[in-house]
Amino acid sequence: MLYTLGAGIRTLGAEVSSLASVPHLKDKLQSLEEQATEAAAMLRGSLRVLSAPPEQVALGVAVREDTRAFQERTDVTTRMITLTELPSLPASRVRVLSEATREALLNVEKHARAESVVVTVFAVEDGVAVAVADDGVGLPEESSRQAGLGLASISDRLARVGGTLTVSDSDDGGVSVQAWVPR
């Protein structure tokens, strides 16, 4: 139906282009055609997700929920981006990546004074990573750093499933926390 709608808009656009007196109509038709194309692409993506096995979408769903809850709680502009298709992961690895995401977001809430956060999920190096980057105040100086229990605990849990945790200053002055687990 969306394809037929788009084709009809294109046909009408070709007919209207011969009428020099209504250029604004051609622009509106082009906008409608673009919207129909975008809607069709979104529908294909949704159908792909609906047909995927639960273990393949579990991580994306969990991280999206953590991201949404953080933004609602803090009013900090937060965006989640899935860069690649995610492979299926055992439930224990999905759980520890979700816990790492929550802990990183909690640290942003408590310490960063950030205006925005980007949570990125992607497949890399025979595994899957979740990165949480903020534009806040950055890491404290070496002399004033205190070892927090939250990130230490997450690092231990990641290590139990063969994963790693990396915490570093971001290029924009904030902090980047990346958790990785093997497939």
Protein backbone atom coordinates (compact mmCIF):
# COMPACT_ATOMS: atom_id res chain seq x y z
CA MET A 1 0.00 0.00 0.00
CA LEU A 2 2.83 2.42 0.84
CA TYR A 3 4.57 1.59 -2.43
CA THR A 4 1.34 2.23 -4.37
CA LEU A 5 0.86 5.51 -2.51
CA GLY A 6 4.43 6.58 -3.35
CA ALA A 7 4.02 5.61 -7.00
CA GLY A 8 0.78 7.59 -7.23
CA ILE A 9 2.47 10.63 -5.72
CA ARG A 10 5.36 10.33 -8.23
CA THR A 11 2.91 10.09 -11.13
CA LEU A 12 0.95 13.09 -9.91
CA GLY A 13 4.22 14.97 -9.43
CA ALA A 14 5.20 14.32 -13.04
CA GLU A 15 1.85 15.66 -14.22
CA VAL A 16 2.08 18.74 -11.98
CA SER A 17 5.65 19.53 -13.09
CA SER A 18 4.28 20.55 -16.47
CA LEU A 19 2.17 23.23 -14.78
CA ALA A 20 4.50 26.17 -14.16
CA SER A 21 1.87 28.07 -12.18
CA VAL A 22 1.88 25.70 -9.17
CA PRO A 23 5.51 25.13 -8.10
CA HIS A 24 4.57 24.93 -4.41
CA LEU A 25 2.36 21.93 -5.20
CA LYS A 26 5.31 20.07 -6.71
CA ASP A 27 7.33 20.69 -3.50
CA LYS A 28 4.48 19.36 -1.37
CA LEU A 29 4.17 16.26 -3.54
CA GLN A 30 7.91 15.64 -3.30
CA SER A 31 7.68 15.92 0.49
CA LEU A 32 4.81 13.40 0.55
CA GLU A 33 6.81 11.01 -1.64
CA GLU A 34 9.76 11.21 0.75
CA GLN A 35 7.47 10.56 3.72
CA ALA A 36 5.96 7.50 1.99
CA THR A 37 9.45 6.15 1.28
CA GLU A 38 10.51 6.73 4.89
CA ALA A 39 7.34 5.06 6.21
CA ALA A 40 7.97 2.02 4.01
CA ALA A 41 11.57 1.76 5.31
CA MET A 42 10.37 2.02 8.93
CA LEU A 43 7.75 -0.65 8.30
CA ARG A 44 10.40 -3.01 6.85
CA GLY A 45 12.60 -2.40 9.90
CA SER A 46 9.73 -3.07 12.29
CA LEU A 47 8.84 -6.29 10.50
CA ARG A 48 12.47 -7.42 10.70
CA VAL A 49 12.49 -6.81 14.47
CA LEU A 50 9.16 -8.59 14.94
CA SER A 51 10.42 -11.67 13.13
CA ALA A 52 13.78 -11.75 14.96
CA PRO A 53 14.25 -14.31 17.74
CA PRO A 54 13.79 -12.82 21.26
CA GLU A 55 17.44 -13.36 22.23
CA GLN A 56 18.49 -11.20 19.27
CA VAL A 57 16.38 -8.18 20.28
CA ALA A 58 16.56 -8.54 24.07
CA LEU A 59 19.63 -6.33 24.46
CA GLY A 60 18.23 -3.53 22.31
CA VAL A 61 14.94 -3.59 24.20
CA ALA A 62 16.65 -3.58 27.62
CA VAL A 63 19.05 -0.75 26.76
CA ARG A 64 16.28 1.30 25.13
CA GLU A 65 14.19 0.96 28.32
CA ASP A 66 17.15 1.96 30.53
CA THR A 67 17.79 4.97 28.29
CA ARG A 68 14.12 6.02 28.31
CA ALA A 69 13.86 5.70 32.09
CA PHE A 70 17.04 7.78 32.57
CA GLN A 71 15.75 10.58 30.35
CA GLU A 72 12.35 10.65 32.06
CA ARG A 73 13.96 10.71 35.50
CA THR A 74 16.59 13.38 34.76
CA ASP A 75 15.29 15.44 31.81
CA VAL A 76 18.78 15.08 30.29
CA THR A 77 18.55 14.79 26.51
CA THR A 78 19.37 11.14 25.83
CA ARG A 79 19.62 9.25 22.58
CA MET A 80 20.11 5.56 21.87
CA ILE A 81 21.75 4.46 18.64
CA THR A 82 22.10 0.88 17.39
CA LEU A 83 25.01 0.97 14.93
CA THR A 84 24.95 -2.61 13.68
CA GLU A 85 22.72 -5.64 13.70
CA LEU A 86 23.14 -7.35 17.02
CA PRO A 87 23.87 -11.06 17.26
CA SER A 88 21.98 -13.31 19.63
CA LEU A 89 23.48 -13.30 23.11
CA PRO A 90 22.96 -15.57 26.09
CA ALA A 91 20.65 -14.05 28.72
CA SER A 92 23.54 -13.68 31.19
CA ARG A 93 25.44 -11.40 28.78
CA VAL A 94 22.36 -9.35 27.93
CA ARG A 95 21.75 -8.90 31.67
CA VAL A 96 25.31 -7.74 32.45
CA LEU A 97 25.36 -5.29 29.52
CA SER A 98 22.02 -3.87 30.66
CA GLU A 99 23.35 -3.56 34.23
CA ALA A 100 26.46 -1.79 32.91
CA THR A 101 24.26 0.63 30.97
CA ARG A 102 22.16 1.40 34.05
CA GLU A 103 25.26 1.93 36.20
CA ALA A 104 26.87 4.24 33.63
CA LEU A 105 23.65 6.26 33.37
CA LEU A 106 23.38 6.42 37.18
CA ASN A 107 26.93 7.82 37.31
CA VAL A 108 25.98 10.44 34.71
CA GLU A 109 23.00 11.38 36.86
CA LYS A 110 25.03 11.60 40.08
CA HIS A 111 28.29 13.16 38.87
CA ALA A 112 28.39 14.47 35.30
CA ARG A 113 26.12 17.53 35.22
CA ALA A 114 25.62 16.58 31.58
CA GLU A 115 23.24 18.20 29.12
CA SER A 116 23.15 15.21 26.79
CA VAL A 117 23.98 11.51 26.71
CA VAL A 118 24.38 9.12 23.79
CA VAL A 119 24.00 5.38 24.38
CA THR A 120 25.39 3.30 21.51
CA VAL A 121 24.99 -0.44 21.00
CA PHE A 122 27.03 -2.29 18.38
CA ALA A 123 28.66 -5.57 17.41
CA VAL A 124 32.47 -5.43 17.48
CA GLU A 125 35.45 -7.80 17.80
CA ASP A 126 33.45 -11.04 18.04
CA GLY A 127 31.20 -9.52 20.66
CA VAL A 128 28.79 -6.75 21.50
CA ALA A 129 29.47 -3.41 23.18
CA VAL A 130 27.37 -0.73 24.82
CA ALA A 131 28.91 2.73 25.13
CA VAL A 132 27.49 5.53 27.25
CA ALA A 133 29.00 8.95 26.48
CA ASP A 134 28.05 12.22 28.15
CA ASP A 135 29.03 15.86 27.66
CA GLY A 136 29.44 16.56 31.36
CA VAL A 137 32.34 17.67 33.53
CA GLY A 138 34.58 14.66 32.80
CA LEU A 139 36.55 12.44 35.12
CA PRO A 140 37.94 13.93 38.32
CA GLU A 141 41.68 14.50 38.55
CA GLU A 142 43.74 11.43 39.55
CA SER A 143 44.36 12.79 43.05
CA SER A 144 40.64 13.18 43.84
CA ARG A 145 39.31 9.97 42.26
CA GLN A 146 37.58 7.53 44.55
CA ALA A 147 36.98 3.96 43.53
CA GLY A 148 33.22 3.60 43.26
CA LEU A 149 31.58 0.30 44.06
CA GLY A 150 29.16 0.47 41.12
CA LEU A 151 31.63 0.41 38.24
CA ALA A 152 33.95 -1.98 40.11
CA SER A 153 31.05 -4.38 40.61
CA ILE A 154 30.03 -4.10 36.93
CA SER A 155 33.63 -4.70 35.86
CA ASP A 156 33.71 -7.89 37.95
CA ARG A 157 30.40 -9.11 36.50
CA LEU A 158 31.60 -8.41 32.97
CA ALA A 159 34.85 -10.29 33.65
CA ARG A 160 32.84 -13.34 34.80
CA VAL A 161 31.34 -13.64 31.30
CA GLY A 162 34.63 -12.79 29.54
CA GLY A 163 33.84 -9.10 29.08
CA THR A 164 35.59 -5.82 29.80
CA LEU A 165 34.77 -2.32 31.03
CA THR A 166 36.57 0.81 29.85
CA VAL A 167 36.11 4.28 31.36
CA SER A 168 37.74 7.27 29.70
CA ASP A 169 37.44 10.98 29.07
CA SER A 170 35.37 11.81 25.98
CA ASP A 171 36.58 14.11 23.24
CA ASP A 172 33.84 16.61 24.14
CA GLY A 173 34.87 16.85 27.79
CA GLY A 174 32.53 14.28 29.26
CA VAL A 175 33.04 10.64 30.12
CA SER A 176 32.69 7.52 27.99
CA VAL A 177 31.94 4.14 29.55
CA GLN A 178 32.12 1.10 27.29
CA ALA A 179 31.11 -2.41 28.29
CA TRP A 180 31.94 -5.33 25.99
CA VAL A 181 31.04 -9.03 26.08
CA PRO A 182 31.98 -11.83 23.70
CA ARG A 183 29.23 -13.54 21.72
